[in-house]
Structures are given as structure tokens and as C-alpha cells.
Amino acid sequence: MTVDHRRNVRTTWLYTLGSIVAFVGFFTGFVALMMLPPLAAAPNAAMSVAIVLQLVAGVVQIRFCWYLRGGRGSGMPGIGASLALFVPATAVWVLTLFAPGGALLGAASLWAALCVAACLVGRRRRWELIALGVILLVGHTVLAERITPVPPGAFLVDPGSAWATVIYAAFVPFMLLTSVWFWEVVLELDRHRRTAAALAVTRERLRFASDLHDIQGHHLQVISLKAELAERLLPVDVEAARTQLRDVRTIAHEALAETRSLVAGYRQVSLDDELYNAREVLGASGARCTLRVEALPDDDATRSALALTVREATTNILRHSEATEVEITVVATAGGWTLTITNDAAAPAAAPAAGAAAGGDSVDAGSGIAGLRERMVALGGSLDAAHEGDRFVLRATVPTVARPSTAGARA
């Protein structure tokens, strides 16, 4: 089963954003509804305007929720946007001081705005804004009761609703901060996943480089010493110099044989393993990799050639593209086997340089594709890489009975 990590991250953000928006939107609507009974009991212009501005402030706060994608401390978006966040909420705070029954309710919008802003600033300023919000909540209640006192025995706001507003307001900073923290955890895990995928490729390259260095380093050092000795012996003892040069040739042949053996061992890969690794590595990088395998060839040379093609194509996609959809198919045809690897990150065919970056190597560029094409030709098959619409397609074909081609064979 293929796991689309990139899609999962996007879905997590949408879920987090939806939860925050629903919470803030409900809080805004709830406070606006709580303002209606005082307005009905004592109609006044201040409360009417405050209700309208309460809804406007709620819309702005919901829009600000999109800025939370950067995580805590990502910074305020700008002066204009900050004014849009605080001006309507501050106006509600001031107007409800002069509207009967506006105590506490009028401070809810500014409290929510400060909590949203607290998620975007640093840790120290975050707690300063929350403390300021608490002061404004309490201060608004005290000032409103002194400026526009409610007559004794008159309840413009239901006590139960007032307590519900207080409890809901207390949960605003907790809900916002924990939701953004959860989103940051998801982002951090996704960064580690991408790093692990890149390290897996790098680790394999370092392993091969280390093995190659161990072989070549020793032989080259011996060759250098014997060549230097032969140079010194040449004027005084030609036969001894000839012996040293013969040793140099022998060691060079040994080095070449061991290097070929190392490369052959590196290249003798399992097609089953490479298909599985391609799906896992591409999935770890965020691409959705689909495998469609009807059957696999029995011939070792054919399996090795196709496995190398899968490995090279996977490496190119990881290094040069931002593919989100990759499809790998292996099908048996009347004349042999066909491997097709398609990804959706190709540039238009008119831009070959960009296509090479997006889809891997272009049709005629890149030593990786060129080397694979030579191997396919040596087996009597072919390899083509080209843009087909907005997709980059690499197609390798090998005959049922792979026969080495004298024209394309290499030592």
C-alpha cells in the first residue's frame, strides 16, 4: 500500500486550519448572539454598531488563521494586516463601554484577536499579549459597569450565557496554541522523513565510494612506487626496471579486475528489491508511487538491466524533480518485456533543459540515461526517454531472450 506523505501533510494542515476556523468562528457568532438580548432590552446605536463590528472582527480573525501555517513565532504579516486585526476589535471594546449589558461581551473580540496574534510572535511577547488580554477583559467589565450601570434586578445578559462566554474565552489561547504546536510537530516529522530519504541515497553512494577507494587507493599507491623504482633502475639495471614495469602492468590489471568485480556486484541487483525500494523511497520523498507489475522476467541479465533502470530513474526523480505522481509498470509483450516509468514533474517538451531537471535526464543528455541505453542495446533492446504532454516517460524494452549485441557490447 502506497502512503502519500505529502498529501497527508496537506490534509493535516486542512484539518488543523478547519478546527481553528470553526472554533474562532463559533466564538465570534456566540458573542454576537449574546449581544442581541441587551440590544432588544435597551436599543441603542452603540450596541448595534458593536454587533456589526464584532462580525467584521471575526471575519478578520478567521482570515488570520491562515498565517498560522508558519507555526508559532512565524511573525505578524504586516502593519496593514495587524491594524485590520485590532482596529474592529478595539472599536467593539470601546463602544460596548457605553452600551448597557456590554460588559465582558465587548472585550471578547479583542481577547480573541490578541490570542491569534500571540501565536505569531515570540514566546516572551506571546505571554505579554495574553496577560494584556486578561487585563482588558477584567478592565472592560469594571469600566462598563461604572460607565453604563445596569439597573438593580435587571439582567440584560443571562448569567449562564455570561459564564459560558468566560469559559469559552479561557479555552481560546489553549486551543490555538495547542493546535499550532501539533501542526509544528507534523512539519518537523515531515522534515525528518525527507532527510531520512536523502540520507538513504547518500549512505549508499558513500558505501560504494568507500569500497572503490579501498580498492583503487592501495593499487594506485603500489603502482606509483613501482613506477618510480623502475624509473630509477632504468639507467643502471634495465632488466630490473623491466621487471618492475611488468609488475605495474600486472597490478593495473588486478585493479581493473577488482573494480569491475565491485561494479558488477553493485550492479547485480534484484528487480523485485529495486521495485520495492523505488516505491518506498519515492513514497518517503512525498510522491505517490504506483506499481503495476504483470510478471517479471526469468533471465538474470534482463532482470539486472531493468533493475538498474528502475534505480537510475528513481535517483533522477529524487534529485531533479518535485514529482507528486510516479507510475512504474512492467509488462510482458509478444517480443519481450517493457518497463515504463512515468512522473508528472516534467516541463514542456519545448524546454529540454527544464525537462532534464524535472524528469531526470533528457532524451540525449546525462550519463545515467546514456549508460542505461548502452546496456539495453547490448541486450538487443532499447531505451527511450521523452516528454509526453505534461509527463516525462522513460520506457525500456528488452527481448524475451536477451542476446548481446556486438555493436553495443562493452568490455
Protein backbone atom coordinates (compact mmCIF):
# COMPACT_ATOMS: atom_id res chain seq x y z
CA MET A 1 0.00 0.00 0.00
CA THR A 2 1.47 3.36 -1.05
CA VAL A 3 1.47 6.16 1.53
CA ASP A 4 1.25 9.65 0.06
CA HIS A 5 3.09 11.61 2.75
CA ARG A 6 2.81 14.95 1.01
CA ARG A 7 -0.93 14.58 0.73
CA ASN A 8 -1.13 13.53 4.37
CA VAL A 9 0.69 16.68 5.44
CA ARG A 10 -1.68 18.85 3.40
CA THR A 11 -4.66 17.02 4.87
CA THR A 12 -3.32 17.53 8.39
CA TRP A 13 -2.98 21.27 7.78
CA LEU A 14 -6.51 21.48 6.40
CA TYR A 15 -7.82 19.59 9.43
CA THR A 16 -5.89 21.86 11.82
CA LEU A 17 -6.99 25.01 9.98
CA GLY A 18 -10.59 23.83 9.87
CA SER A 19 -10.60 23.17 13.62
CA ILE A 20 -9.19 26.63 14.40
CA VAL A 21 -11.56 28.39 12.00
CA ALA A 22 -14.56 26.55 13.42
CA PHE A 23 -13.53 27.44 16.98
CA VAL A 24 -12.90 31.13 16.25
CA GLY A 25 -15.99 31.44 14.06
CA PHE A 26 -18.24 29.85 16.67
CA PHE A 27 -16.83 32.10 19.39
CA THR A 28 -17.46 35.20 17.26
CA GLY A 29 -21.03 34.16 16.45
CA PHE A 30 -21.76 33.16 20.05
CA VAL A 31 -20.67 36.56 21.41
CA ALA A 32 -22.66 38.38 18.70
CA LEU A 33 -25.78 36.42 19.68
CA MET A 34 -25.19 37.25 23.36
CA MET A 35 -25.25 40.95 22.41
CA LEU A 36 -28.74 40.72 20.95
CA PRO A 37 -30.73 40.46 24.25
CA PRO A 38 -29.15 43.67 25.70
CA LEU A 39 -29.89 45.44 22.41
CA ALA A 40 -33.51 44.27 22.47
CA ALA A 41 -33.92 45.30 26.12
CA ALA A 42 -32.30 48.72 25.68
CA PRO A 43 -31.99 49.68 21.97
CA ASN A 44 -29.02 51.97 21.29
CA ALA A 45 -26.74 52.82 18.40
CA ALA A 46 -23.54 51.84 20.23
CA MET A 47 -24.61 48.21 20.65
CA SER A 48 -25.93 48.00 17.08
CA VAL A 49 -22.62 49.18 15.62
CA ALA A 50 -20.72 46.94 18.05
CA ILE A 51 -22.56 43.84 16.80
CA VAL A 52 -21.68 44.65 13.18
CA LEU A 53 -18.04 45.30 14.09
CA GLN A 54 -18.00 42.09 16.14
CA LEU A 55 -18.82 40.11 12.99
CA VAL A 56 -16.26 42.07 10.94
CA ALA A 57 -13.58 41.39 13.56
CA GLY A 58 -14.49 37.70 13.50
CA VAL A 59 -14.04 37.52 9.71
CA VAL A 60 -10.61 39.16 10.00
CA GLN A 61 -9.57 36.77 12.77
CA ILE A 62 -10.63 33.79 10.65
CA ARG A 63 -8.53 35.15 7.76
CA PHE A 64 -5.59 35.49 10.13
CA CYS A 65 -5.78 31.77 10.90
CA TRP A 66 -4.11 31.09 7.52
CA TYR A 67 -0.97 32.83 8.78
CA LEU A 68 -0.64 30.18 11.49
CA ARG A 69 0.72 27.73 8.90
CA GLY A 70 4.20 29.06 9.58
CA GLY A 71 3.96 27.91 13.21
CA ARG A 72 4.41 29.72 16.47
CA GLY A 73 6.63 32.77 16.30
CA SER A 74 6.43 33.00 12.49
CA GLY A 75 5.75 36.76 12.75
CA MET A 76 2.92 39.16 12.08
CA PRO A 77 2.09 39.59 8.38
CA GLY A 78 2.44 43.39 8.28
CA ILE A 79 1.22 46.72 9.63
CA GLY A 80 -1.88 46.86 7.45
CA ALA A 81 -2.98 43.35 8.33
CA SER A 82 -2.24 43.95 12.02
CA LEU A 83 -4.39 47.09 12.02
CA ALA A 84 -7.19 45.14 10.33
CA LEU A 85 -6.97 42.58 13.14
CA PHE A 86 -7.04 45.01 16.06
CA VAL A 87 -9.00 48.09 14.91
CA PRO A 88 -12.51 46.49 14.66
CA ALA A 89 -11.98 44.54 17.89
CA THR A 90 -10.78 47.68 19.71
CA ALA A 91 -13.79 49.62 18.40
CA VAL A 92 -16.11 46.94 19.83
CA TRP A 93 -14.28 47.16 23.15
CA VAL A 94 -14.80 50.95 23.29
CA LEU A 95 -18.40 51.07 22.02
CA THR A 96 -19.70 48.46 24.45
CA LEU A 97 -18.48 50.58 27.35
CA PHE A 98 -21.42 52.89 26.56
CA ALA A 99 -23.98 50.18 25.81
CA PRO A 100 -26.00 48.64 28.66
CA GLY A 101 -25.21 44.93 29.04
CA GLY A 102 -21.98 45.17 27.06
CA ALA A 103 -19.70 44.36 29.97
CA LEU A 104 -17.34 41.42 29.22
CA LEU A 105 -19.02 40.68 25.88
CA GLY A 106 -17.44 43.73 24.28
CA ALA A 107 -13.95 42.58 25.28
CA ALA A 108 -14.29 39.08 23.82
CA SER A 109 -13.37 40.12 20.27
CA LEU A 110 -10.21 41.96 21.32
CA TRP A 111 -9.29 38.98 23.53
CA ALA A 112 -9.58 36.60 20.56
CA ALA A 113 -7.52 38.96 18.36
CA LEU A 114 -4.75 39.11 20.97
CA CYS A 115 -4.74 35.30 21.26
CA VAL A 116 -4.39 34.90 17.49
CA ALA A 117 -1.56 37.44 17.45
CA ALA A 118 0.10 35.67 20.40
CA CYS A 119 0.55 32.58 18.20
CA LEU A 120 2.51 34.60 15.65
CA VAL A 121 5.00 36.36 17.95
CA GLY A 122 7.89 35.12 20.07
CA ARG A 123 7.48 33.34 23.38
CA ARG A 124 8.06 36.40 25.59
CA ARG A 125 5.72 38.68 23.66
CA ARG A 126 3.21 35.83 23.44
CA TRP A 127 2.65 35.74 27.19
CA GLU A 128 2.70 39.52 27.34
CA LEU A 129 -0.17 39.68 24.84
CA ILE A 130 -2.18 37.04 26.74
CA ALA A 131 -1.63 38.93 30.01
CA LEU A 132 -2.73 42.14 28.28
CA GLY A 133 -5.84 40.35 27.06
CA VAL A 134 -6.73 39.26 30.60
CA ILE A 135 -6.29 42.82 31.86
CA LEU A 136 -8.52 44.18 29.08
CA LEU A 137 -11.19 41.55 29.82
CA VAL A 138 -11.33 42.41 33.51
CA GLY A 139 -10.88 46.12 32.91
CA HIS A 140 -13.70 46.22 30.38
CA THR A 141 -16.10 44.56 32.82
CA VAL A 142 -15.23 47.04 35.59
CA LEU A 143 -15.35 50.14 33.37
CA ALA A 144 -18.59 49.14 31.61
CA GLU A 145 -20.40 48.63 34.91
CA ARG A 146 -19.29 52.06 36.09
CA ILE A 147 -19.98 53.95 32.86
CA THR A 148 -23.31 52.30 32.00
CA PRO A 149 -24.54 50.54 35.13
CA VAL A 150 -27.35 48.04 34.80
CA PRO A 151 -30.39 48.81 37.00
CA PRO A 152 -30.68 46.54 40.07
CA GLY A 153 -32.62 43.37 39.37
CA ALA A 154 -32.33 43.77 35.58
CA PHE A 155 -30.47 41.01 33.77
CA LEU A 156 -29.68 42.07 30.23
CA VAL A 157 -27.42 39.05 29.81
CA ASP A 158 -28.34 35.62 31.12
CA PRO A 159 -25.85 34.62 33.88
CA GLY A 160 -25.47 31.16 32.35
CA SER A 161 -24.57 32.66 28.99
CA ALA A 162 -22.12 35.00 30.66
CA TRP A 163 -20.35 32.08 32.35
CA ALA A 164 -20.32 30.17 29.07
CA THR A 165 -18.63 33.16 27.44
CA VAL A 166 -15.98 33.25 30.19
CA ILE A 167 -15.27 29.51 29.89
CA TYR A 168 -15.16 29.64 26.10
CA ALA A 169 -12.83 32.65 26.20
CA ALA A 170 -10.50 30.81 28.58
CA PHE A 171 -10.14 27.98 26.05
CA VAL A 172 -9.27 30.29 23.12
CA PRO A 173 -5.49 30.60 23.80
CA PHE A 174 -5.22 26.95 24.84
CA MET A 175 -6.92 25.71 21.68
CA LEU A 176 -4.96 27.98 19.34
CA LEU A 177 -1.54 27.28 20.84
CA THR A 178 -2.00 23.51 21.08
CA SER A 179 -3.33 23.29 17.52
CA VAL A 180 -0.36 25.24 16.14
CA TRP A 181 2.03 23.16 18.27
CA PHE A 182 0.51 19.97 16.83
CA TRP A 183 0.99 21.36 13.30
CA GLU A 184 4.65 22.17 14.09
CA VAL A 185 5.17 18.55 15.20
CA VAL A 186 3.78 17.33 11.87
CA LEU A 187 6.10 19.68 9.96
CA GLU A 188 9.11 18.54 11.99
CA LEU A 189 8.31 14.88 11.35
CA ASP A 190 7.94 15.57 7.64
CA ARG A 191 11.34 17.31 7.58
CA HIS A 192 12.92 14.30 9.30
CA ARG A 193 11.25 11.95 6.80
CA ARG A 194 12.67 13.90 3.87
CA THR A 195 16.10 13.97 5.48
CA ALA A 196 15.98 10.22 6.06
CA ALA A 197 15.15 9.62 2.39
CA ALA A 198 18.05 11.81 1.27
CA LEU A 199 20.43 10.14 3.74
CA ALA A 200 19.48 6.69 2.49
CA VAL A 201 20.60 7.64 -1.03
CA THR A 202 23.75 9.37 0.26
CA ARG A 203 24.67 6.42 2.50
CA GLU A 204 24.57 4.01 -0.44
CA ARG A 205 26.75 6.30 -2.53
CA LEU A 206 29.26 6.67 0.30
CA ARG A 207 29.38 2.90 0.73
CA PHE A 208 30.23 2.39 -2.91
CA ALA A 209 32.74 5.27 -2.87
CA SER A 210 34.42 3.76 0.20
CA ASP A 211 34.71 0.33 -1.42
CA LEU A 212 36.09 1.86 -4.60
CA HIS A 213 38.59 3.93 -2.62
CA ASP A 214 39.80 0.87 -0.73
CA ILE A 215 40.48 -0.97 -3.98
CA GLN A 216 41.92 1.84 -6.07
CA GLY A 217 43.86 3.57 -3.29
CA HIS A 218 46.02 0.55 -2.50
CA HIS A 219 46.71 -0.42 -6.10
CA LEU A 220 47.48 3.12 -7.23
CA GLN A 221 49.92 3.60 -4.38
CA VAL A 222 51.78 0.40 -5.29
CA ILE A 223 51.76 1.33 -8.98
CA SER A 224 53.20 4.76 -8.16
CA LEU A 225 56.01 3.29 -6.04
CA LYS A 226 56.95 0.61 -8.59
CA ALA A 227 56.87 3.11 -11.47
CA GLU A 228 59.17 5.41 -9.52
CA LEU A 229 61.51 2.49 -8.76
CA ALA A 230 61.53 1.45 -12.42
CA GLU A 231 62.42 5.00 -13.41
CA ARG A 232 65.41 4.96 -11.05
CA LEU A 233 66.57 1.48 -12.13
CA LEU A 234 66.30 2.17 -15.86
CA PRO A 235 69.75 3.84 -16.23
CA VAL A 236 71.57 1.18 -14.15
CA ASP A 237 69.65 -2.10 -14.49
CA VAL A 238 67.33 -2.39 -17.46
CA GLU A 239 66.23 -5.93 -16.62
CA ALA A 240 65.22 -4.98 -13.08
CA ALA A 241 63.37 -1.93 -14.42
CA ARG A 242 61.57 -4.17 -16.91
CA THR A 243 60.53 -6.45 -14.04
CA GLN A 244 59.11 -3.52 -12.11
CA LEU A 245 57.19 -2.31 -15.16
CA ARG A 246 55.82 -5.83 -15.63
CA ASP A 247 54.63 -5.72 -12.03
CA VAL A 248 52.99 -2.35 -12.69
CA ARG A 249 51.07 -3.85 -15.61
CA THR A 250 50.03 -6.86 -13.52
CA ILE A 251 48.84 -4.67 -10.64
CA ALA A 252 46.96 -2.43 -13.03
CA HIS A 253 45.17 -5.47 -14.46
CA GLU A 254 44.34 -6.63 -10.94
CA ALA A 255 42.98 -3.20 -10.06
CA LEU A 256 40.85 -3.18 -13.20
CA ALA A 257 39.54 -6.68 -12.49
CA GLU A 258 38.69 -5.86 -8.88
CA THR A 259 36.99 -2.62 -9.92
CA ARG A 260 34.91 -4.49 -12.49
CA SER A 261 34.05 -7.07 -9.85
CA LEU A 262 32.99 -4.34 -7.45
CA VAL A 263 30.85 -2.62 -10.07
CA ALA A 264 29.37 -5.93 -11.15
CA GLY A 265 28.48 -6.74 -7.56
CA TYR A 266 26.98 -3.30 -7.18
CA ARG A 267 25.01 -3.71 -10.37
CA GLN A 268 23.81 -7.27 -9.68
CA VAL A 269 20.62 -6.02 -8.11
CA SER A 270 17.30 -7.72 -7.64
CA LEU A 271 14.48 -6.37 -9.77
CA ASP A 272 11.99 -7.24 -7.03
CA ASP A 273 14.04 -5.32 -4.45
CA GLU A 274 14.53 -2.31 -6.72
CA LEU A 275 10.80 -2.05 -7.46
CA TYR A 276 10.02 -2.26 -3.75
CA ASN A 277 12.78 0.23 -2.84
CA ALA A 278 11.62 2.66 -5.53
CA ARG A 279 8.10 2.66 -4.12
CA GLU A 280 9.33 3.13 -0.56
CA VAL A 281 11.90 5.84 -1.33
CA LEU A 282 9.60 7.81 -3.62
CA GLY A 283 6.81 7.48 -1.07
CA ALA A 284 9.15 8.76 1.64
CA SER A 285 10.00 11.77 -0.53
CA GLY A 286 6.32 12.69 -0.82
CA ALA A 287 5.48 11.23 -4.23
CA ARG A 288 2.65 8.76 -4.74
CA CYS A 289 4.26 5.76 -6.44
CA THR A 290 2.04 3.20 -8.16
CA LEU A 291 3.43 -0.21 -9.18
CA ARG A 292 1.76 -2.22 -11.93
CA VAL A 293 3.65 -5.48 -12.41
CA GLU A 294 2.08 -8.21 -14.56
CA ALA A 295 5.05 -10.55 -14.32
CA LEU A 296 8.85 -10.48 -14.02
CA PRO A 297 11.40 -11.91 -16.47
CA ASP A 298 13.32 -15.08 -15.60
CA ASP A 299 16.55 -14.15 -17.39
CA ASP A 300 19.16 -12.74 -14.99
CA ALA A 301 20.59 -10.27 -17.50
CA THR A 302 17.16 -8.88 -18.29
CA ARG A 303 16.24 -8.58 -14.62
CA SER A 304 19.53 -6.84 -13.83
CA ALA A 305 19.15 -4.36 -16.70
CA LEU A 306 15.59 -3.49 -15.73
CA ALA A 307 16.56 -3.21 -12.05
CA LEU A 308 19.32 -0.74 -12.92
CA THR A 309 16.84 1.26 -14.99
CA VAL A 310 14.47 1.47 -12.03
CA ARG A 311 17.32 2.56 -9.75
CA GLU A 312 18.61 5.25 -12.11
CA ALA A 313 15.15 6.63 -12.84
CA THR A 314 14.32 6.75 -9.13
CA THR A 315 17.56 8.58 -8.37
CA ASN A 316 16.87 11.13 -11.12
CA ILE A 317 13.34 11.77 -9.83
CA LEU A 318 14.64 12.28 -6.28
CA ARG A 319 17.48 14.56 -7.34
CA HIS A 320 15.94 16.61 -10.14
CA SER A 321 12.17 16.77 -9.71
CA GLU A 322 9.28 17.57 -7.39
CA ALA A 323 7.13 14.74 -8.71
CA THR A 324 3.90 14.00 -6.87
CA GLU A 325 2.75 11.09 -9.04
CA VAL A 326 5.03 8.30 -10.28
CA GLU A 327 3.87 5.17 -12.06
CA ILE A 328 6.10 2.12 -12.71
CA THR A 329 4.80 -0.66 -14.94
CA VAL A 330 6.39 -3.94 -16.03
CA VAL A 331 4.52 -5.82 -18.72
CA ALA A 332 5.27 -8.84 -20.88
CA THR A 333 4.87 -8.24 -24.61
CA ALA A 334 4.95 -10.58 -27.58
CA GLY A 335 8.61 -9.81 -28.18
CA GLY A 336 9.90 -9.38 -24.64
CA TRP A 337 9.50 -7.10 -21.65
CA THR A 338 8.67 -3.41 -21.33
CA LEU A 339 9.41 -1.24 -18.30
CA THR A 340 7.72 2.19 -18.23
CA ILE A 341 8.38 4.85 -15.59
CA THR A 342 6.24 7.99 -15.73
CA ASN A 343 6.25 11.05 -13.49
CA ASP A 344 4.22 14.25 -13.52
CA ALA A 345 7.02 16.75 -12.85
CA ALA A 346 8.20 17.23 -16.43
CA ALA A 347 8.48 20.63 -18.09
CA PRO A 348 7.08 21.28 -21.58
CA ALA A 349 8.82 19.42 -24.34
CA ALA A 350 9.95 22.71 -25.86
CA ALA A 351 12.24 23.30 -22.87
CA PRO A 352 14.68 20.37 -22.84
CA ALA A 353 16.88 21.82 -20.13
CA ALA A 354 13.99 22.22 -17.79
CA GLY A 355 12.75 18.79 -18.73
CA ALA A 356 16.03 17.28 -17.71
CA ALA A 357 15.69 18.90 -14.35
CA ALA A 358 12.15 17.80 -13.88
CA GLY A 359 12.09 14.37 -15.36
CA GLY A 360 15.67 13.34 -14.83
CA ASP A 361 17.97 13.21 -17.83
CA SER A 362 16.66 14.46 -21.13
CA VAL A 363 16.46 12.19 -24.14
CA ASP A 364 20.09 12.59 -25.13
CA ALA A 365 21.61 14.24 -22.07
CA GLY A 366 23.03 12.74 -18.91
CA SER A 367 25.49 9.91 -18.45
CA GLY A 368 22.97 7.86 -16.46
CA ILE A 369 20.43 7.50 -19.27
CA ALA A 370 23.21 7.10 -21.85
CA GLY A 371 24.79 4.27 -19.86
CA LEU A 372 21.46 2.51 -19.44
CA ARG A 373 20.72 2.87 -23.14
CA GLU A 374 24.03 1.19 -23.99
CA ARG A 375 23.23 -1.71 -21.67
CA MET A 376 19.82 -2.15 -23.27
CA VAL A 377 21.31 -2.08 -26.76
CA ALA A 378 23.88 -4.66 -25.64
CA LEU A 379 20.98 -6.96 -24.75
CA GLY A 380 19.23 -6.30 -28.05
CA GLY A 381 16.69 -3.92 -26.51
CA SER A 382 16.19 -0.16 -26.41
CA LEU A 383 15.58 2.70 -24.01
CA ASP A 384 13.72 5.94 -24.74
CA ALA A 385 13.12 8.97 -22.52
CA ALA A 386 10.87 11.77 -23.69
CA HIS A 387 8.10 14.17 -22.75
CA GLU A 388 4.57 13.05 -23.50
CA GLY A 389 2.36 16.03 -22.85
CA ASP A 390 2.99 17.24 -19.30
CA ARG A 391 4.62 13.98 -18.20
CA PHE A 392 8.13 12.58 -18.50
CA VAL A 393 8.20 8.96 -19.67
CA LEU A 394 11.15 6.57 -19.60
CA ARG A 395 10.49 3.31 -21.49
CA ALA A 396 12.90 0.35 -21.63
CA THR A 397 12.31 -2.72 -23.77
CA VAL A 398 14.23 -6.00 -23.67
CA PRO A 399 13.60 -9.04 -25.89
CA THR A 400 12.40 -12.26 -24.29
CA VAL A 401 15.76 -13.94 -24.86
CA ALA A 402 18.33 -11.19 -24.40
CA ARG A 403 21.10 -11.55 -26.97
CA PRO A 404 24.25 -9.46 -26.64
CA SER A 405 24.73 -7.03 -29.48
CA THR A 406 28.28 -6.84 -30.83
CA ALA A 407 27.73 -3.23 -31.81
CA GLY A 408 26.60 -2.13 -28.36
CA ALA A 409 28.59 -4.52 -26.14
CA ARG A 410 31.18 -3.07 -23.85
CA ALA A 411 34.12 -4.68 -22.09
